[in-house]
Amino acid sequence: GWAGDPGGADAVVVGSHLDSVPDGGAFDGPLGVVSSFAALDELRRRGAEFTRPVAVTNFGDEEGARFGLACVGSRLTAGQLTLAQAHALRDGDGVPLPRAMEAAGYDPDTIGPDPERLGRIGAFVELHVEQGRALDLTGDPVGIASSIWPHGRWRFDFHGEANHAGTTRLA
């Protein structure tokens, strides 16, 4: 739901995702979701009055660890993944996304874009753990990004002979 004026435009949406990849780290996406609620609690504690609608979001299956497609939740929200495409997704055990959603207590027919709500978003803010080394190398405690590097998956097949010590002849 919205905090502030639910009928206004230029809403501020904050959040992230709760899922991660194996060994992705305890704070990979959850930091963005939990800190969003903490920030709203702190603003309310200070008596802040919202002049724009504010919402917290938690995108589902953003990392693509289960269904093999990154950003499922945000793609669905933005209309970049159709309901039919989402319903066709299968995990490694062959479980379709709709069955997985039902098992978790969600209705798979309620997912997808909401153009009216999307049109009201003026800004999206996500607090995220840096996954590179830029801050480490510069010594800065925090950085602000204006864009993200797009997701991609590649497959490389290497043919040859395994040889640890490098004694395989390279002719």
N, C-alpha and C. Protein backbone atom coordinates (compact mmCIF):
# COMPACT_ATOMS: atom_id res chain seq x y z
N GLY A 1 0.80 -1.19 0.00
CA GLY A 1 0.00 0.00 0.00
C GLY A 1 0.84 1.24 0.00
N TRP A 2 0.17 2.37 -0.23
CA TRP A 2 0.85 3.66 -0.30
C TRP A 2 0.81 4.37 1.05
N ALA A 3 1.90 5.02 1.39
CA ALA A 3 1.90 5.96 2.50
C ALA A 3 1.74 7.34 1.89
N GLY A 4 1.21 8.30 2.62
CA GLY A 4 1.02 9.64 2.06
C GLY A 4 -0.26 9.70 1.25
N ASP A 5 -0.29 10.59 0.28
CA ASP A 5 -1.47 10.80 -0.55
C ASP A 5 -1.56 9.71 -1.62
N PRO A 6 -2.48 8.75 -1.47
CA PRO A 6 -2.54 7.65 -2.43
C PRO A 6 -3.01 8.07 -3.81
N GLY A 7 -3.58 9.25 -3.96
CA GLY A 7 -4.06 9.68 -5.26
C GLY A 7 -3.06 10.53 -6.02
N GLY A 8 -1.97 10.90 -5.39
CA GLY A 8 -1.01 11.78 -6.03
C GLY A 8 -0.13 11.09 -7.05
N ALA A 9 0.57 11.90 -7.84
CA ALA A 9 1.49 11.38 -8.84
C ALA A 9 2.91 11.47 -8.31
N ASP A 10 3.84 11.03 -9.11
CA ASP A 10 5.26 11.10 -8.77
C ASP A 10 5.58 10.41 -7.45
N ALA A 11 5.07 9.22 -7.30
CA ALA A 11 5.32 8.44 -6.09
C ALA A 11 6.78 8.05 -6.00
N VAL A 12 7.24 7.84 -4.79
CA VAL A 12 8.58 7.33 -4.53
C VAL A 12 8.42 5.89 -4.07
N VAL A 13 9.05 4.98 -4.78
CA VAL A 13 9.00 3.56 -4.44
C VAL A 13 10.38 3.15 -3.99
N VAL A 14 10.44 2.46 -2.85
CA VAL A 14 11.70 1.97 -2.31
C VAL A 14 11.58 0.47 -2.08
N GLY A 15 12.69 -0.23 -2.14
CA GLY A 15 12.65 -1.66 -1.90
C GLY A 15 13.73 -2.39 -2.68
N SER A 16 13.53 -3.69 -2.80
CA SER A 16 14.49 -4.55 -3.48
C SER A 16 13.86 -5.92 -3.65
N HIS A 17 14.59 -6.95 -3.26
CA HIS A 17 14.11 -8.33 -3.37
C HIS A 17 14.63 -9.14 -2.19
N LEU A 18 13.96 -10.23 -1.87
CA LEU A 18 14.39 -11.07 -0.74
C LEU A 18 15.16 -12.30 -1.18
N ASP A 19 14.97 -12.73 -2.42
CA ASP A 19 15.66 -13.93 -2.87
C ASP A 19 17.11 -13.62 -3.19
N SER A 20 17.91 -14.65 -3.27
CA SER A 20 19.31 -14.50 -3.62
C SER A 20 19.77 -15.76 -4.34
N VAL A 21 20.97 -15.75 -4.79
CA VAL A 21 21.57 -16.93 -5.39
C VAL A 21 22.33 -17.67 -4.30
N PRO A 22 22.65 -18.95 -4.51
CA PRO A 22 23.45 -19.65 -3.51
C PRO A 22 24.73 -18.87 -3.20
N ASP A 23 25.01 -18.69 -1.94
CA ASP A 23 26.18 -17.95 -1.46
C ASP A 23 26.17 -16.48 -1.89
N GLY A 24 24.97 -15.93 -2.15
CA GLY A 24 24.87 -14.54 -2.58
C GLY A 24 25.07 -13.54 -1.45
N GLY A 25 25.07 -14.02 -0.23
CA GLY A 25 25.27 -13.12 0.90
C GLY A 25 23.96 -12.82 1.61
N ALA A 26 24.06 -12.64 2.89
CA ALA A 26 22.87 -12.43 3.73
C ALA A 26 22.15 -11.13 3.42
N PHE A 27 22.84 -10.15 2.85
CA PHE A 27 22.24 -8.83 2.66
C PHE A 27 22.05 -8.48 1.20
N ASP A 28 22.16 -9.44 0.30
CA ASP A 28 22.12 -9.19 -1.14
C ASP A 28 20.95 -8.30 -1.53
N GLY A 29 19.73 -8.73 -1.36
CA GLY A 29 18.55 -7.92 -1.65
C GLY A 29 17.77 -7.54 -0.41
N PRO A 30 17.75 -8.44 0.60
CA PRO A 30 16.98 -8.14 1.81
C PRO A 30 17.35 -6.81 2.48
N LEU A 31 18.60 -6.38 2.35
CA LEU A 31 19.00 -5.10 2.92
C LEU A 31 18.12 -3.98 2.37
N GLY A 32 17.82 -4.01 1.09
CA GLY A 32 17.00 -2.98 0.47
C GLY A 32 15.56 -3.00 0.94
N VAL A 33 15.02 -4.20 1.19
CA VAL A 33 13.63 -4.30 1.65
C VAL A 33 13.54 -3.88 3.12
N VAL A 34 14.37 -4.44 3.96
CA VAL A 34 14.32 -4.16 5.39
C VAL A 34 14.66 -2.70 5.67
N SER A 35 15.66 -2.16 5.00
CA SER A 35 16.04 -0.76 5.24
C SER A 35 14.94 0.19 4.78
N SER A 36 14.14 -0.21 3.80
CA SER A 36 13.02 0.63 3.36
C SER A 36 12.00 0.78 4.47
N PHE A 37 11.66 -0.34 5.11
CA PHE A 37 10.72 -0.27 6.24
C PHE A 37 11.33 0.51 7.40
N ALA A 38 12.62 0.30 7.65
CA ALA A 38 13.29 1.01 8.75
C ALA A 38 13.30 2.52 8.49
N ALA A 39 13.55 2.90 7.24
CA ALA A 39 13.57 4.32 6.89
C ALA A 39 12.19 4.95 7.08
N LEU A 40 11.14 4.25 6.64
CA LEU A 40 9.79 4.78 6.84
C LEU A 40 9.45 4.89 8.32
N ASP A 41 9.83 3.88 9.10
CA ASP A 41 9.60 3.95 10.55
C ASP A 41 10.30 5.16 11.15
N GLU A 42 11.55 5.41 10.73
CA GLU A 42 12.31 6.54 11.27
C GLU A 42 11.69 7.87 10.84
N LEU A 43 11.26 7.96 9.60
CA LEU A 43 10.62 9.20 9.14
C LEU A 43 9.33 9.47 9.92
N ARG A 44 8.56 8.42 10.15
CA ARG A 44 7.32 8.58 10.93
C ARG A 44 7.64 8.96 12.37
N ARG A 45 8.69 8.37 12.94
CA ARG A 45 9.09 8.69 14.31
C ARG A 45 9.46 10.16 14.42
N ARG A 46 10.07 10.69 13.39
CA ARG A 46 10.47 12.10 13.38
C ARG A 46 9.32 13.04 13.02
N GLY A 47 8.15 12.47 12.73
CA GLY A 47 7.00 13.29 12.40
C GLY A 47 7.00 13.83 10.98
N ALA A 48 7.74 13.22 10.10
CA ALA A 48 7.79 13.68 8.71
C ALA A 48 6.42 13.56 8.06
N GLU A 49 6.08 14.57 7.27
CA GLU A 49 4.83 14.53 6.52
C GLU A 49 5.18 14.30 5.05
N PHE A 50 4.61 13.27 4.48
CA PHE A 50 4.90 12.93 3.10
C PHE A 50 4.14 13.85 2.15
N THR A 51 4.84 14.41 1.19
CA THR A 51 4.20 15.25 0.18
C THR A 51 3.96 14.47 -1.11
N ARG A 52 4.48 13.28 -1.16
CA ARG A 52 4.28 12.37 -2.29
C ARG A 52 3.92 11.00 -1.74
N PRO A 53 3.24 10.20 -2.54
CA PRO A 53 2.99 8.82 -2.11
C PRO A 53 4.31 8.07 -2.00
N VAL A 54 4.42 7.20 -1.02
CA VAL A 54 5.61 6.37 -0.82
C VAL A 54 5.16 4.93 -0.69
N ALA A 55 5.87 4.03 -1.36
CA ALA A 55 5.54 2.61 -1.29
C ALA A 55 6.81 1.80 -1.14
N VAL A 56 6.68 0.67 -0.46
CA VAL A 56 7.78 -0.29 -0.33
C VAL A 56 7.44 -1.49 -1.20
N THR A 57 8.42 -1.96 -1.96
CA THR A 57 8.19 -3.12 -2.80
C THR A 57 9.21 -4.21 -2.52
N ASN A 58 8.80 -5.43 -2.75
CA ASN A 58 9.68 -6.60 -2.67
C ASN A 58 9.42 -7.40 -3.94
N PHE A 59 10.35 -7.35 -4.87
CA PHE A 59 10.19 -8.12 -6.11
C PHE A 59 10.53 -9.58 -5.84
N GLY A 60 9.77 -10.47 -6.44
CA GLY A 60 10.00 -11.90 -6.29
C GLY A 60 10.85 -12.46 -7.42
N ASP A 61 11.68 -13.41 -7.09
CA ASP A 61 12.55 -14.13 -8.04
C ASP A 61 13.35 -13.18 -8.93
N GLU A 62 13.99 -12.21 -8.30
CA GLU A 62 14.83 -11.28 -9.04
C GLU A 62 16.15 -11.89 -9.47
N GLU A 63 16.68 -12.78 -8.67
CA GLU A 63 17.99 -13.35 -8.98
C GLU A 63 17.93 -14.48 -10.01
N GLY A 64 16.75 -15.02 -10.24
CA GLY A 64 16.61 -16.07 -11.23
C GLY A 64 17.20 -17.40 -10.82
N ALA A 65 17.46 -17.57 -9.53
CA ALA A 65 18.11 -18.80 -9.07
C ALA A 65 17.19 -20.01 -9.22
N ARG A 66 15.90 -19.82 -9.09
CA ARG A 66 14.99 -20.98 -9.17
C ARG A 66 14.50 -21.25 -10.59
N PHE A 67 14.06 -20.21 -11.29
CA PHE A 67 13.44 -20.43 -12.60
C PHE A 67 14.34 -20.06 -13.78
N GLY A 68 15.58 -19.69 -13.51
CA GLY A 68 16.56 -19.48 -14.57
C GLY A 68 16.41 -18.21 -15.38
N LEU A 69 15.58 -17.28 -14.92
CA LEU A 69 15.39 -16.00 -15.61
C LEU A 69 15.53 -14.91 -14.57
N ALA A 70 16.48 -14.02 -14.77
CA ALA A 70 16.69 -12.94 -13.80
C ALA A 70 15.57 -11.91 -13.90
N CYS A 71 15.28 -11.28 -12.78
CA CYS A 71 14.34 -10.15 -12.68
C CYS A 71 12.91 -10.53 -13.05
N VAL A 72 12.45 -11.71 -12.66
CA VAL A 72 11.08 -12.13 -12.97
C VAL A 72 10.08 -11.14 -12.38
N GLY A 73 10.22 -10.80 -11.12
CA GLY A 73 9.25 -9.91 -10.47
C GLY A 73 9.20 -8.53 -11.09
N SER A 74 10.35 -7.91 -11.31
CA SER A 74 10.35 -6.57 -11.88
C SER A 74 9.97 -6.60 -13.36
N ARG A 75 10.33 -7.66 -14.08
CA ARG A 75 9.92 -7.77 -15.49
C ARG A 75 8.39 -7.88 -15.58
N LEU A 76 7.80 -8.68 -14.70
CA LEU A 76 6.34 -8.79 -14.68
C LEU A 76 5.70 -7.44 -14.37
N THR A 77 6.24 -6.76 -13.38
CA THR A 77 5.70 -5.46 -12.96
C THR A 77 5.76 -4.45 -14.10
N ALA A 78 6.86 -4.46 -14.84
CA ALA A 78 7.05 -3.49 -15.92
C ALA A 78 6.42 -3.94 -17.24
N GLY A 79 5.85 -5.13 -17.28
CA GLY A 79 5.24 -5.62 -18.50
C GLY A 79 6.23 -6.16 -19.51
N GLN A 80 7.45 -6.43 -19.07
CA GLN A 80 8.48 -6.97 -19.95
C GLN A 80 8.47 -8.49 -20.00
N LEU A 81 7.66 -9.10 -19.16
CA LEU A 81 7.46 -10.55 -19.13
C LEU A 81 5.95 -10.75 -19.08
N THR A 82 5.40 -11.44 -20.06
CA THR A 82 3.95 -11.62 -20.11
C THR A 82 3.51 -12.68 -19.10
N LEU A 83 2.25 -12.66 -18.78
CA LEU A 83 1.69 -13.67 -17.89
C LEU A 83 1.90 -15.06 -18.47
N ALA A 84 1.69 -15.21 -19.77
CA ALA A 84 1.88 -16.52 -20.42
C ALA A 84 3.33 -16.98 -20.32
N GLN A 85 4.28 -16.06 -20.54
CA GLN A 85 5.70 -16.41 -20.42
C GLN A 85 6.04 -16.80 -18.99
N ALA A 86 5.51 -16.07 -18.03
CA ALA A 86 5.78 -16.38 -16.62
C ALA A 86 5.20 -17.74 -16.26
N HIS A 87 4.00 -18.01 -16.71
CA HIS A 87 3.36 -19.29 -16.39
C HIS A 87 4.07 -20.47 -17.04
N ALA A 88 4.84 -20.22 -18.09
CA ALA A 88 5.58 -21.30 -18.76
C ALA A 88 6.92 -21.59 -18.09
N LEU A 89 7.36 -20.75 -17.17
CA LEU A 89 8.65 -20.98 -16.50
C LEU A 89 8.59 -22.24 -15.64
N ARG A 90 9.67 -23.01 -15.66
CA ARG A 90 9.79 -24.23 -14.87
C ARG A 90 11.10 -24.18 -14.11
N ASP A 91 11.10 -24.72 -12.88
CA ASP A 91 12.36 -24.79 -12.13
C ASP A 91 13.10 -26.07 -12.52
N GLY A 92 14.22 -26.34 -11.89
CA GLY A 92 15.05 -27.49 -12.21
C GLY A 92 14.36 -28.82 -11.99
N ASP A 93 13.33 -28.84 -11.14
CA ASP A 93 12.57 -30.07 -10.90
C ASP A 93 11.33 -30.15 -11.77
N GLY A 94 11.16 -29.19 -12.67
CA GLY A 94 9.99 -29.19 -13.56
C GLY A 94 8.75 -28.56 -12.97
N VAL A 95 8.86 -27.96 -11.78
CA VAL A 95 7.70 -27.32 -11.15
C VAL A 95 7.42 -26.00 -11.86
N PRO A 96 6.20 -25.83 -12.39
CA PRO A 96 5.89 -24.56 -13.05
C PRO A 96 5.70 -23.43 -12.04
N LEU A 97 6.02 -22.22 -12.48
CA LEU A 97 5.89 -21.05 -11.61
C LEU A 97 4.51 -20.95 -10.96
N PRO A 98 3.41 -21.16 -11.69
CA PRO A 98 2.10 -21.05 -11.02
C PRO A 98 1.95 -22.04 -9.85
N ARG A 99 2.45 -23.26 -10.00
CA ARG A 99 2.33 -24.23 -8.89
C ARG A 99 3.20 -23.81 -7.71
N ALA A 100 4.37 -23.27 -7.99
CA ALA A 100 5.25 -22.81 -6.91
C ALA A 100 4.60 -21.65 -6.17
N MET A 101 3.96 -20.76 -6.90
CA MET A 101 3.27 -19.63 -6.26
C MET A 101 2.13 -20.12 -5.39
N GLU A 102 1.34 -21.04 -5.91
CA GLU A 102 0.22 -21.58 -5.14
C GLU A 102 0.71 -22.27 -3.87
N ALA A 103 1.82 -23.01 -3.98
CA ALA A 103 2.38 -23.71 -2.81
C ALA A 103 2.83 -22.72 -1.74
N ALA A 104 3.20 -21.50 -2.19
CA ALA A 104 3.64 -20.46 -1.25
C ALA A 104 2.48 -19.59 -0.79
N GLY A 105 1.25 -19.90 -1.27
CA GLY A 105 0.08 -19.14 -0.83
C GLY A 105 -0.28 -17.95 -1.69
N TYR A 106 0.22 -17.89 -2.92
CA TYR A 106 -0.06 -16.77 -3.81
C TYR A 106 -0.89 -17.21 -5.00
N ASP A 107 -1.65 -16.29 -5.55
CA ASP A 107 -2.48 -16.56 -6.72
C ASP A 107 -1.70 -16.18 -7.97
N PRO A 108 -1.33 -17.14 -8.82
CA PRO A 108 -0.52 -16.83 -10.00
C PRO A 108 -1.25 -15.99 -11.04
N ASP A 109 -2.55 -15.87 -10.93
CA ASP A 109 -3.29 -15.06 -11.90
C ASP A 109 -3.34 -13.58 -11.53
N THR A 110 -2.73 -13.20 -10.41
CA THR A 110 -2.76 -11.80 -9.99
C THR A 110 -1.46 -11.06 -10.33
N ILE A 111 -0.52 -11.75 -10.96
CA ILE A 111 0.76 -11.10 -11.28
C ILE A 111 0.66 -10.39 -12.63
N GLY A 112 1.52 -9.42 -12.82
CA GLY A 112 1.55 -8.70 -14.09
C GLY A 112 1.56 -7.20 -13.87
N PRO A 113 1.63 -6.45 -14.95
CA PRO A 113 1.75 -4.99 -14.82
C PRO A 113 0.45 -4.34 -14.40
N ASP A 114 0.58 -3.20 -13.76
CA ASP A 114 -0.54 -2.35 -13.41
C ASP A 114 -0.19 -0.97 -13.98
N PRO A 115 -0.54 -0.72 -15.25
CA PRO A 115 -0.11 0.51 -15.93
C PRO A 115 -0.46 1.79 -15.17
N GLU A 116 -1.62 1.82 -14.54
CA GLU A 116 -2.00 3.03 -13.80
C GLU A 116 -1.03 3.28 -12.65
N ARG A 117 -0.74 2.24 -11.89
CA ARG A 117 0.18 2.38 -10.76
C ARG A 117 1.59 2.69 -11.25
N LEU A 118 2.04 2.01 -12.30
CA LEU A 118 3.38 2.26 -12.84
C LEU A 118 3.52 3.71 -13.31
N GLY A 119 2.47 4.25 -13.90
CA GLY A 119 2.51 5.61 -14.40
C GLY A 119 2.63 6.66 -13.31
N ARG A 120 2.34 6.28 -12.09
CA ARG A 120 2.42 7.22 -10.96
C ARG A 120 3.79 7.24 -10.30
N ILE A 121 4.69 6.33 -10.70
CA ILE A 121 5.99 6.26 -10.05
C ILE A 121 6.92 7.31 -10.63
N GLY A 122 7.42 8.18 -9.75
CA GLY A 122 8.36 9.22 -10.16
C GLY A 122 9.80 8.84 -9.89
N ALA A 123 10.02 7.96 -8.89
CA ALA A 123 11.38 7.56 -8.55
C ALA A 123 11.35 6.20 -7.89
N PHE A 124 12.38 5.41 -8.17
CA PHE A 124 12.58 4.13 -7.48
C PHE A 124 13.95 4.18 -6.85
N VAL A 125 14.01 3.89 -5.54
CA VAL A 125 15.27 3.93 -4.81
C VAL A 125 15.51 2.56 -4.21
N GLU A 126 16.69 2.02 -4.45
CA GLU A 126 17.04 0.71 -3.91
C GLU A 126 18.39 0.80 -3.22
N LEU A 127 18.40 0.47 -1.93
CA LEU A 127 19.66 0.35 -1.21
C LEU A 127 20.15 -1.06 -1.46
N HIS A 128 21.40 -1.19 -1.89
CA HIS A 128 21.92 -2.51 -2.23
C HIS A 128 23.38 -2.61 -1.83
N VAL A 129 23.80 -3.78 -1.49
CA VAL A 129 25.19 -4.04 -1.18
C VAL A 129 25.98 -3.99 -2.49
N GLU A 130 27.11 -3.30 -2.48
CA GLU A 130 27.93 -3.26 -3.69
C GLU A 130 28.44 -4.66 -4.01
N GLN A 131 28.38 -5.02 -5.27
CA GLN A 131 28.82 -6.35 -5.67
C GLN A 131 30.10 -6.30 -6.47
N GLY A 132 30.72 -5.16 -6.50
CA GLY A 132 32.00 -5.02 -7.17
C GLY A 132 33.04 -4.58 -6.16
N ARG A 133 34.10 -3.93 -6.64
CA ARG A 133 35.16 -3.49 -5.74
C ARG A 133 35.38 -1.99 -5.78
N ALA A 134 34.50 -1.24 -6.45
CA ALA A 134 34.74 0.20 -6.62
C ALA A 134 34.86 0.92 -5.29
N LEU A 135 33.95 0.68 -4.35
CA LEU A 135 34.03 1.38 -3.06
C LEU A 135 35.24 0.93 -2.27
N ASP A 136 35.57 -0.33 -2.36
CA ASP A 136 36.76 -0.84 -1.68
C ASP A 136 38.01 -0.15 -2.21
N LEU A 137 38.08 0.01 -3.51
CA LEU A 137 39.27 0.61 -4.12
C LEU A 137 39.36 2.11 -3.86
N THR A 138 38.22 2.79 -3.77
CA THR A 138 38.25 4.24 -3.54
C THR A 138 38.24 4.61 -2.06
N GLY A 139 37.84 3.65 -1.21
CA GLY A 139 37.75 3.92 0.21
C GLY A 139 36.48 4.64 0.60
N ASP A 140 35.57 4.84 -0.33
CA ASP A 140 34.31 5.52 -0.04
C ASP A 140 33.37 4.56 0.70
N PRO A 141 32.66 5.06 1.72
CA PRO A 141 31.74 4.19 2.47
C PRO A 141 30.44 3.90 1.73
N VAL A 142 30.07 4.76 0.78
CA VAL A 142 28.80 4.59 0.07
C VAL A 142 28.94 5.19 -1.33
N GLY A 143 28.16 4.69 -2.24
CA GLY A 143 28.14 5.22 -3.60
C GLY A 143 26.70 5.35 -4.07
N ILE A 144 26.48 6.19 -5.04
CA ILE A 144 25.15 6.37 -5.62
C ILE A 144 25.24 6.02 -7.10
N ALA A 145 24.38 5.12 -7.52
CA ALA A 145 24.35 4.69 -8.92
C ALA A 145 23.12 5.27 -9.59
N SER A 146 23.25 5.61 -10.84
CA SER A 146 22.11 6.11 -11.60
C SER A 146 21.58 5.07 -12.58
N SER A 147 22.25 3.93 -12.65
CA SER A 147 21.80 2.85 -13.53
C SER A 147 22.41 1.55 -13.02
N ILE A 148 21.96 0.45 -13.62
CA ILE A 148 22.51 -0.85 -13.25
C ILE A 148 23.04 -1.54 -14.49
N TRP A 149 23.94 -2.45 -14.29
CA TRP A 149 24.47 -3.26 -15.38
C TRP A 149 23.43 -4.33 -15.69
N PRO A 150 23.07 -4.51 -16.95
CA PRO A 150 22.01 -5.48 -17.27
C PRO A 150 22.45 -6.92 -17.00
N HIS A 151 21.44 -7.73 -16.69
CA HIS A 151 21.69 -9.15 -16.47
C HIS A 151 21.96 -9.84 -17.79
N GLY A 152 22.74 -10.89 -17.72
CA GLY A 152 22.97 -11.72 -18.90
C GLY A 152 23.47 -13.09 -18.46
N ARG A 153 23.24 -14.03 -19.29
CA ARG A 153 23.74 -15.38 -19.03
C ARG A 153 24.38 -15.89 -20.30
N TRP A 154 25.54 -16.48 -20.16
CA TRP A 154 26.27 -17.00 -21.30
C TRP A 154 26.70 -18.41 -21.01
N ARG A 155 26.89 -19.16 -22.06
CA ARG A 155 27.41 -20.52 -21.91
C ARG A 155 28.67 -20.61 -22.76
N PHE A 156 29.71 -21.10 -22.14
CA PHE A 156 30.96 -21.33 -22.83
C PHE A 156 31.29 -22.81 -22.77
N ASP A 157 31.62 -23.40 -23.88
CA ASP A 157 32.05 -24.79 -23.93
C ASP A 157 33.51 -24.82 -24.33
N PHE A 158 34.32 -25.45 -23.50
CA PHE A 158 35.74 -25.57 -23.78
C PHE A 158 36.05 -27.02 -24.07
N HIS A 159 36.79 -27.25 -25.11
CA HIS A 159 37.15 -28.60 -25.50
C HIS A 159 38.66 -28.73 -25.41
N GLY A 160 39.10 -29.83 -24.90
CA GLY A 160 40.54 -30.05 -24.77
C GLY A 160 40.81 -31.10 -23.72
N GLU A 161 42.00 -31.07 -23.24
CA GLU A 161 42.43 -32.05 -22.25
C GLU A 161 42.75 -31.33 -20.94
N ALA A 162 42.18 -31.81 -19.85
CA ALA A 162 42.49 -31.22 -18.55
C ALA A 162 43.89 -31.62 -18.15
N ASN A 163 44.67 -30.66 -17.66
CA ASN A 163 46.01 -30.94 -17.22
C ASN A 163 46.44 -29.84 -16.27
N HIS A 164 46.43 -30.13 -15.00
CA HIS A 164 46.66 -29.15 -13.95
C HIS A 164 47.99 -28.44 -14.03
N ALA A 165 49.06 -29.16 -14.19
CA ALA A 165 50.39 -28.57 -14.07
C ALA A 165 50.86 -27.86 -15.34
N GLY A 166 50.07 -27.91 -16.38
CA GLY A 166 50.46 -27.20 -17.59
C GLY A 166 51.45 -27.96 -18.46
N THR A 167 51.55 -29.24 -18.25
CA THR A 167 52.51 -30.02 -19.04
C THR A 167 51.92 -30.54 -20.34
N THR A 168 50.66 -30.21 -20.61
CA THR A 168 50.07 -30.61 -21.88
C THR A 168 50.70 -29.77 -22.98
N ARG A 169 51.14 -30.42 -24.01
CA ARG A 169 51.79 -29.75 -25.12
C ARG A 169 50.79 -28.84 -25.85
N LEU A 170 51.17 -27.61 -26.11
CA LEU A 170 50.29 -26.64 -26.78
C LEU A 170 50.74 -26.50 -28.24
N ALA A 171 50.55 -27.54 -29.01
CA ALA A 171 51.01 -27.52 -30.41
C ALA A 171 49.93 -27.04 -31.33
